[in-house]
C-alpha atoms as a PDB file:
ATOM      1  CA  LEU A   1      39.456 -17.113   7.769  1.00  0.00           C
ATOM      2  CA  LYS A   2      39.817 -20.205   5.548  1.00  0.00           C
ATOM      3  CA  ILE A   3      36.600 -21.663   6.978  1.00  0.00           C
ATOM      4  CA  LYS A   4      34.796 -18.402   6.202  1.00  0.00           C
ATOM      5  CA  GLU A   5      36.175 -18.380   2.653  1.00  0.00           C
ATOM      6  CA  ARG A   6      35.054 -21.977   2.074  1.00  0.00           C
ATOM      7  CA  THR A   7      31.604 -21.114   3.426  1.00  0.00           C
ATOM      8  CA  VAL A   8      31.300 -18.148   1.072  1.00  0.00           C
ATOM      9  CA  ARG A   9      32.469 -20.213  -1.899  1.00  0.00           C
ATOM     10  CA  GLY A  10      29.947 -22.892  -1.030  1.00  0.00           C
ATOM     11  CA  ARG A  11      27.092 -20.417  -0.808  1.00  0.00           C
ATOM     12  CA  LYS A  12      28.030 -18.804  -4.102  1.00  0.00           C
ATOM     13  CA  GLN A  13      28.110 -22.181  -5.801  1.00  0.00           C
ATOM     14  CA  ARG A  14      24.730 -23.014  -4.276  1.00  0.00           C
ATOM     15  CA  ALA A  15      23.340 -19.802  -5.786  1.00  0.00           C
ATOM     16  CA  ARG A  16      24.826 -20.613  -9.192  1.00  0.00           C
ATOM     17  CA  ASN A  17      23.156 -24.019  -8.974  1.00  0.00           C
ATOM     18  CA  GLY A  18      19.750 -22.356  -8.610  1.00  0.00           C
ATOM     19  CA  ARG A  19      19.438 -22.661  -4.817  1.00  0.00           C
ATOM     20  CA  ILE A  20      18.983 -19.710  -2.448  1.00  0.00           C
ATOM     21  CA  PRO A  21      22.127 -19.788  -0.275  1.00  0.00           C
ATOM     22  CA  ALA A  22      20.665 -18.450   2.974  1.00  0.00           C
ATOM     23  CA  ASN A  23      17.275 -17.570   4.470  1.00  0.00           C
ATOM     24  CA  GLY A  24      14.911 -17.460   1.511  1.00  0.00           C
ATOM     25  CA  LYS A  25      11.734 -16.420   3.307  1.00  0.00           C
ATOM     26  CA  LEU A  26       9.589 -14.027   1.265  1.00  0.00           C
ATOM     27  CA  PHE A  27       5.966 -13.076   1.794  1.00  0.00           C
ATOM     28  CA  GLY A  28       3.829 -14.905  -0.743  1.00  0.00           C
ATOM     29  CA  TYR A  29       6.016 -18.007  -0.806  1.00  0.00           C
ATOM     30  CA  LEU A  30       6.943 -21.052   1.207  1.00  0.00           C
ATOM     31  CA  TYR A  31      10.698 -21.523   1.486  1.00  0.00           C
ATOM     32  CA  MET A  32      11.801 -25.143   1.068  1.00  0.00           C
ATOM     33  CA  LYS A  33      14.967 -25.052   3.133  1.00  0.00           C
ATOM     34  CA  GLY A  34      17.624 -27.724   3.123  1.00  0.00           C
ATOM     35  CA  LYS A  35      19.759 -29.476   0.535  1.00  0.00           C
ATOM     36  CA  GLY A  36      18.927 -31.850  -2.266  1.00  0.00           C
ATOM     37  CA  GLU A  37      16.241 -31.994  -4.904  1.00  0.00           C
ATOM     38  CA  ALA A  38      13.535 -29.297  -4.684  1.00  0.00           C
ATOM     39  CA  ARG A  39      15.276 -27.675  -1.716  1.00  0.00           C
ATOM     40  CA  GLY A  40      16.635 -24.156  -1.322  1.00  0.00           C
ATOM     41  CA  ILE A  41      13.834 -22.791  -3.490  1.00  0.00           C
ATOM     42  CA  ARG A  42      10.552 -20.948  -3.004  1.00  0.00           C
ATOM     43  CA  ILE A  43       7.115 -22.191  -3.964  1.00  0.00           C
ATOM     44  CA  PRO A  44       4.029 -19.960  -4.049  1.00  0.00           C
ATOM     45  CA  ASP A  45       1.837 -19.911  -0.953  1.00  0.00           C
ATOM     46  CA  THR A  46      -1.610 -19.817  -2.580  1.00  0.00           C
ATOM     47  CA  ASP A  47      -3.316 -17.538  -0.048  1.00  0.00           C
ATOM     48  CA  LYS A  48      -0.425 -15.121   0.475  1.00  0.00           C
ATOM     49  CA  ALA A  49       0.460 -15.023  -3.219  1.00  0.00           C
ATOM     50  CA  LEU A  50      -3.079 -13.746  -3.823  1.00  0.00           C
ATOM     51  CA  ILE A  51      -2.481 -10.982  -1.255  1.00  0.00           C
ATOM     52  CA  VAL A  52       0.689  -9.953  -3.115  1.00  0.00           C
ATOM     53  CA  LYS A  53      -1.243  -9.824  -6.390  1.00  0.00           C
ATOM     54  CA  ASN A  54      -3.969  -7.750  -4.729  1.00  0.00           C
ATOM     55  CA  ILE A  55      -1.442  -5.246  -3.369  1.00  0.00           C
ATOM     56  CA  PHE A  56      -0.023  -4.682  -6.845  1.00  0.00           C
ATOM     57  CA  ASP A  57      -3.552  -4.435  -8.271  1.00  0.00           C
ATOM     58  CA  TRP A  58      -4.624  -1.893  -5.639  1.00  0.00           C
ATOM     59  CA  TYR A  59      -1.531   0.179  -6.313  1.00  0.00           C
ATOM     60  CA  ILE A  60      -1.644   0.080 -10.127  1.00  0.00           C
ATOM     61  CA  ASN A  61      -5.304  -0.275 -11.071  1.00  0.00           C
ATOM     62  CA  ASP A  62      -7.140   1.166  -8.057  1.00  0.00           C
ATOM     63  CA  GLY A  63      -4.591   3.947  -7.608  1.00  0.00           C
ATOM     64  CA  LEU A  64      -4.337   3.466  -3.848  1.00  0.00           C
ATOM     65  CA  SER A  65      -1.465   5.108  -2.017  1.00  0.00           C
ATOM     66  CA  ILE A  66       0.825   3.008   0.150  1.00  0.00           C
ATOM     67  CA  GLU A  67      -0.929   4.368   3.253  1.00  0.00           C
ATOM     68  CA  SER A  68      -4.349   3.460   1.803  1.00  0.00           C
ATOM     69  CA  ILE A  69      -3.050  -0.056   1.115  1.00  0.00           C
ATOM     70  CA  GLN A  70      -1.959  -0.274   4.762  1.00  0.00           C
ATOM     71  CA  LYS A  71      -5.456   0.696   5.869  1.00  0.00           C
ATOM     72  CA  ARG A  72      -7.116  -1.817   3.552  1.00  0.00           C
ATOM     73  CA  LEU A  73      -4.874  -4.654   4.722  1.00  0.00           C
ATOM     74  CA  TYR A  74      -5.640  -3.796   8.351  1.00  0.00           C
ATOM     75  CA  ALA A  75      -9.387  -3.543   7.654  1.00  0.00           C
ATOM     76  CA  LEU A  76      -9.310  -6.971   5.993  1.00  0.00           C
ATOM     77  CA  GLY A  77      -7.479  -8.463   8.966  1.00  0.00           C
ATOM     78  CA  ILE A  78      -4.496  -9.534   6.887  1.00  0.00           C
ATOM     79  CA  ALA A  79      -1.469 -10.163   9.087  1.00  0.00           C
ATOM     80  CA  PRO A  80       1.858  -8.637   7.983  1.00  0.00           C
ATOM     81  CA  PRO A  81       5.104 -10.565   7.547  1.00  0.00           C
ATOM     82  CA  GLY A  82       6.803 -11.256  10.848  1.00  0.00           C
ATOM     83  CA  ASN A  83       5.259 -10.582  14.240  1.00  0.00           C
ATOM     84  CA  GLY A  84       3.970  -7.033  13.803  1.00  0.00           C
ATOM     85  CA  SER A  85       0.376  -5.971  14.469  1.00  0.00           C
ATOM     86  CA  HIS A  86      -0.041  -4.078  11.200  1.00  0.00           C
ATOM     87  CA  TRP A  87       1.668  -3.436   7.889  1.00  0.00           C
ATOM     88  CA  GLN A  88       4.362  -0.769   7.887  1.00  0.00           C
ATOM     89  CA  ALA A  89       4.681   1.614   4.939  1.00  0.00           C
ATOM     90  CA  SER A  90       8.253   0.364   4.456  1.00  0.00           C
ATOM     91  CA  THR A  91       6.992  -3.235   4.235  1.00  0.00           C
ATOM     92  CA  VAL A  92       4.493  -2.373   1.492  1.00  0.00           C
ATOM     93  CA  PHE A  93       7.155  -0.344  -0.321  1.00  0.00           C
ATOM     94  CA  ARG A  94       9.685  -3.196  -0.228  1.00  0.00           C
ATOM     95  CA  LEU A  95       7.069  -5.635  -1.478  1.00  0.00           C
ATOM     96  CA  LEU A  96       6.198  -3.390  -4.424  1.00  0.00           C
ATOM     97  CA  SER A  97       9.924  -2.917  -5.165  1.00  0.00           C
ATOM     98  CA  ASN A  98      11.028  -6.560  -4.967  1.00  0.00           C
ATOM     99  CA  SER A  99      11.763  -8.001  -8.415  1.00  0.00           C
ATOM    100  CA  ALA A 100      11.786 -11.536  -6.963  1.00  0.00           C
ATOM    101  CA  TYR A 101       8.011 -11.519  -7.425  1.00  0.00           C
ATOM    102  CA  THR A 102       8.652 -11.553 -11.189  1.00  0.00           C
ATOM    103  CA  GLY A 103      10.881 -14.631 -10.813  1.00  0.00           C
ATOM    104  CA  ASN A 104      14.107 -12.617 -10.790  1.00  0.00           C
ATOM    105  CA  THR A 105      16.087 -13.804  -7.748  1.00  0.00           C
ATOM    106  CA  ILE A 106      19.303 -11.814  -7.270  1.00  0.00           C
ATOM    107  CA  ILE A 107      21.947 -12.317  -4.595  1.00  0.00           C
ATOM    108  CA  HIS A 108      24.469  -9.549  -3.855  1.00  0.00           C
ATOM    109  CA  TRP A 109      27.892 -10.366  -2.405  1.00  0.00           C
ATOM    110  CA  SER A 110      30.209  -7.701  -1.053  1.00  0.00           C
ATOM    111  CA  ALA A 111      33.736  -8.475   0.073  1.00  0.00           C
ATOM    112  CA  GLY A 112      36.991  -6.562   0.015  1.00  0.00           C
ATOM    113  CA  GLY A 113      35.407  -3.593  -1.715  1.00  0.00           C
ATOM    114  CA  LEU A 114      34.160  -5.792  -4.571  1.00  0.00           C
ATOM    115  CA  ASP A 115      30.500  -6.402  -5.368  1.00  0.00           C
ATOM    116  CA  GLU A 116      29.293  -9.531  -7.102  1.00  0.00           C
ATOM    117  CA  VAL A 117      25.782 -10.172  -8.357  1.00  0.00           C
ATOM    118  CA  ILE A 118      24.534 -13.716  -8.894  1.00  0.00           C
ATOM    119  CA  GLU A 119      21.200 -14.602 -10.424  1.00  0.00           C
ATOM    120  CA  VAL A 120      19.645 -17.645  -8.760  1.00  0.00           C
ATOM    121  CA  ALA A 121      17.865 -19.076 -11.772  1.00  0.00           C
ATOM    122  CA  GLY A 122      14.557 -20.847 -11.187  1.00  0.00           C
ATOM    123  CA  ALA A 123      14.557 -20.376  -7.410  1.00  0.00           C
ATOM    124  CA  THR A 124      11.448 -18.160  -7.255  1.00  0.00           C
ATOM    125  CA  PRO A 125       8.451 -18.781  -9.518  1.00  0.00           C
ATOM    126  CA  ALA A 126       6.920 -15.542 -10.791  1.00  0.00           C
ATOM    127  CA  ILE A 127       3.590 -14.490  -9.303  1.00  0.00           C
ATOM    128  CA  ILE A 128       3.640 -10.942 -10.716  1.00  0.00           C
ATOM    129  CA  ASP A 129       3.801 -10.218 -14.447  1.00  0.00           C
ATOM    130  CA  GLN A 130       6.786  -8.110 -15.530  1.00  0.00           C
ATOM    131  CA  VAL A 131       4.502  -5.504 -17.122  1.00  0.00           C
ATOM    132  CA  VAL A 132       2.622  -5.059 -13.833  1.00  0.00           C
ATOM    133  CA  PHE A 133       5.878  -4.834 -11.864  1.00  0.00           C
ATOM    134  CA  ASP A 134       7.306  -2.237 -14.271  1.00  0.00           C
ATOM    135  CA  ALA A 135       4.128  -0.153 -13.920  1.00  0.00           C
ATOM    136  CA  ALA A 136       4.524  -0.216 -10.138  1.00  0.00           C
ATOM    137  CA  GLN A 137       8.165   0.909 -10.397  1.00  0.00           C
ATOM    138  CA  GLU A 138       7.158   3.790 -12.651  1.00  0.00           C
ATOM    139  CA  ARG A 139       4.542   4.988 -10.191  1.00  0.00           C
ATOM    140  CA  LEU A 140       6.989   4.682  -7.293  1.00  0.00           C
ATOM    141  CA  ARG A 141       9.492   6.735  -9.294  1.00  0.00           C
ATOM    142  CA  LEU A 142       6.943   9.443 -10.118  1.00  0.00           C
ATOM    143  CA  ASN A 143       5.804   9.620  -6.491  1.00  0.00           C
ATOM    144  CA  LYS A 144       9.413  10.106  -5.383  1.00  0.00           C
ATOM    145  CA  GLU A 145       9.923  12.902  -7.916  1.00  0.00           C
ATOM    146  CA  ASN A 146       6.691  14.613  -6.898  1.00  0.00           C
ATOM    147  CA  ALA A 147       7.696  14.448  -3.238  1.00  0.00           C
ATOM    148  CA  LYS A 148      10.984  16.177  -4.075  1.00  0.00           C
ATOM    149  CA  ARG A 149       9.196  18.911  -6.024  1.00  0.00           C
ATOM    150  CA  ARG A 150       6.802  19.555  -3.158  1.00  0.00           C
ATOM    151  CA  GLY A 151       9.826  20.010  -0.960  1.00  0.00           C
ATOM    152  CA  LYS A 152      10.516  18.417   2.371  1.00  0.00           C
ATOM    153  CA  LYS A 153       9.892  20.274   5.601  1.00  0.00           C
ATOM    154  CA  GLU A 154      12.555  20.057   8.274  1.00  0.00           C
ATOM    155  CA  TYR A 155      11.762  18.212  11.486  1.00  0.00           C
ATOM    156  CA  LEU A 156      14.539  18.856  13.975  1.00  0.00           C
ATOM    157  CA  LEU A 157      13.309  16.224  16.436  1.00  0.00           C
ATOM    158  CA  ARG A 158      12.815  13.501  13.831  1.00  0.00           C
ATOM    159  CA  GLY A 159      13.158  10.076  15.462  1.00  0.00           C
ATOM    160  CA  MET A 160      13.453  11.525  18.991  1.00  0.00           C
ATOM    161  CA  LEU A 161       9.851  12.169  20.087  1.00  0.00           C
ATOM    162  CA  PHE A 162       7.570   9.597  21.669  1.00  0.00           C
ATOM    163  CA  CYS A 163       3.866   9.909  22.375  1.00  0.00           C
ATOM    164  CA  ALA A 164       2.418   9.422  25.865  1.00  0.00           C
ATOM    165  CA  CYS A 165       0.937   6.139  24.571  1.00  0.00           C
ATOM    166  CA  GLY A 166       4.453   4.849  23.870  1.00  0.00           C
ATOM    167  CA  ARG A 167       4.514   5.064  20.080  1.00  0.00           C
ATOM    168  CA  ARG A 168       7.091   7.096  18.170  1.00  0.00           C
ATOM    169  CA  MET A 169       5.939  10.431  16.728  1.00  0.00           C
ATOM    170  CA  VAL A 170       6.737  11.403  13.140  1.00  0.00           C
ATOM    171  CA  GLY A 171       6.702  14.627  11.170  1.00  0.00           C
ATOM    172  CA  ALA A 172       3.446  15.488   9.395  1.00  0.00           C
ATOM    173  CA  SER A 173       2.263  18.535   7.488  1.00  0.00           C
ATOM    174  CA  PRO A 174      -1.525  18.921   7.463  1.00  0.00           C
ATOM    175  CA  GLY A 175      -1.969  22.026   5.341  1.00  0.00           C
ATOM    176  CA  ARG A 176       0.910  24.438   5.912  1.00  0.00           C
ATOM    177  CA  THR A 177       1.448  23.618   9.569  1.00  0.00           C
ATOM    178  CA  ARG A 178       4.370  21.455  10.600  1.00  0.00           C
ATOM    179  CA  SER A 179       3.488  19.024  13.368  1.00  0.00           C
ATOM    180  CA  TYR A 180       4.474  15.722  14.937  1.00  0.00           C
ATOM    181  CA  ARG A 181       1.837  12.980  15.090  1.00  0.00           C
ATOM    182  CA  CYS A 182       1.594   9.668  16.884  1.00  0.00           C
ATOM    183  CA  THR A 183       2.188   6.643  14.653  1.00  0.00           C
ATOM    184  CA  ARG A 184      -0.726   4.768  16.173  1.00  0.00           C
ATOM    185  CA  HIS A 185      -2.651   5.533  13.012  1.00  0.00           C
ATOM    186  CA  ASN A 186      -6.372   5.666  12.386  1.00  0.00           C
ATOM    187  CA  TRP A 187      -6.484   2.245  10.698  1.00  0.00           C
ATOM    188  CA  GLU A 188      -6.293   0.853  14.238  1.00  0.00           C
ATOM    189  CA  PRO A 189      -9.665   2.187  15.471  1.00  0.00           C
ATOM    190  CA  ASP A 190      -9.556   0.102  18.634  1.00  0.00           C
ATOM    191  CA  ARG A 191      -6.201   1.599  19.608  1.00  0.00           C
ATOM    192  CA  HIS A 192      -6.228   4.915  17.754  1.00  0.00           C
ATOM    193  CA  CYS A 193      -4.361   7.687  19.562  1.00  0.00           C
ATOM    194  CA  GLY A 194      -4.450  10.605  17.133  1.00  0.00           C
ATOM    195  CA  ARG A 195      -2.301  12.858  19.319  1.00  0.00           C
ATOM    196  CA  GLN A 196      -0.275  15.514  17.504  1.00  0.00           C
ATOM    197  CA  ILE A 197       1.671  18.591  18.573  1.00  0.00           C
ATOM    198  CA  ASN A 198       2.790  21.748  16.831  1.00  0.00           C
ATOM    199  CA  ALA A 199       6.350  21.238  15.589  1.00  0.00           C
ATOM    200  CA  GLU A 200       7.482  24.839  16.046  1.00  0.00           C
ATOM    201  CA  ASN A 201       6.278  24.970  19.652  1.00  0.00           C
ATOM    202  CA  ILE A 202       7.901  21.715  20.747  1.00  0.00           C
ATOM    203  CA  GLU A 203      11.161  22.467  18.908  1.00  0.00           C
ATOM    204  CA  GLU A 204      11.388  25.884  20.575  1.00  0.00           C
ATOM    205  CA  ALA A 205      10.694  24.348  23.968  1.00  0.00           C
ATOM    206  CA  VAL A 206      13.382  21.687  23.506  1.00  0.00           C
ATOM    207  CA  TRP A 207      15.897  24.233  22.202  1.00  0.00           C
ATOM    208  CA  GLY A 208      15.184  26.411  25.242  1.00  0.00           C
ATOM    209  CA  GLN A 209      16.071  23.507  27.514  1.00  0.00           C
ATOM    210  CA  ILE A 210      19.251  22.810  25.537  1.00  0.00           C
ATOM    211  CA  LYS A 211      20.363  26.454  25.729  1.00  0.00           C
ATOM    212  CA  GLY A 212      19.770  26.392  29.467  1.00  0.00           C
ATOM    213  CA  LEU A 213      22.035  23.396  29.817  1.00  0.00           C
ATOM    214  CA  LEU A 214      24.713  24.905  27.573  1.00  0.00           C
ATOM    215  CA  THR A 215      24.842  28.098  29.618  1.00  0.00           C
ATOM    216  CA  ASP A 216      25.107  26.322  32.966  1.00  0.00           C
ATOM    217  CA  PRO A 217      28.764  26.590  34.009  1.00  0.00           C
ATOM    218  CA  LYS A 218      28.388  23.568  36.274  1.00  0.00           C
ATOM    219  CA  LEU A 219      27.736  21.396  33.234  1.00  0.00           C
ATOM    220  CA  ILE A 220      30.488  22.789  31.015  1.00  0.00           C
ATOM    221  CA  LYS A 221      34.013  21.575  31.709  1.00  0.00           C
END
């Protein structure tokens, strides 16, 4: 326990000294790991920083949706962070929501029911202007409110259906019809699946199987 406490204290002090205390990888930057001068900080990666700026520009000035940004990135052959084959909506959302791109590096510590926030000053040079970032947050907020007003449809098998091609299926509502569609989306034309099924039909079929199991005395003890 004492070793853990010393480690935490050391990392907090590192943060207060303007050094990122743990893995500081962030798309758009090179992380200079290690100790000493000019270490534990991020420096802009010229090519990827331009991609970050483009994503914000597409979202704010071109008015592209997050899904349209995914499609554009795929069409341009831009690899996502990590080892994935294409950009996930959640990845684009987190990028647009991350204030570190404005130079605001925040570390959150939680221990014993207490939360501590430490600003790591100077660890991440800004590549996005604060005005641009604020505009993106406002649009994200409005989109969230509009989604609530439109109302969410219930998908009883959310997270449990898989397509024959192996990809997970998600709820979709083309028009007024609830359905589940394969997540191998149409921005992957060489591997596009496009399979979808009527939500009501598959949910009724699954519920029928469940009721059959529940009424089988051999299975109820």
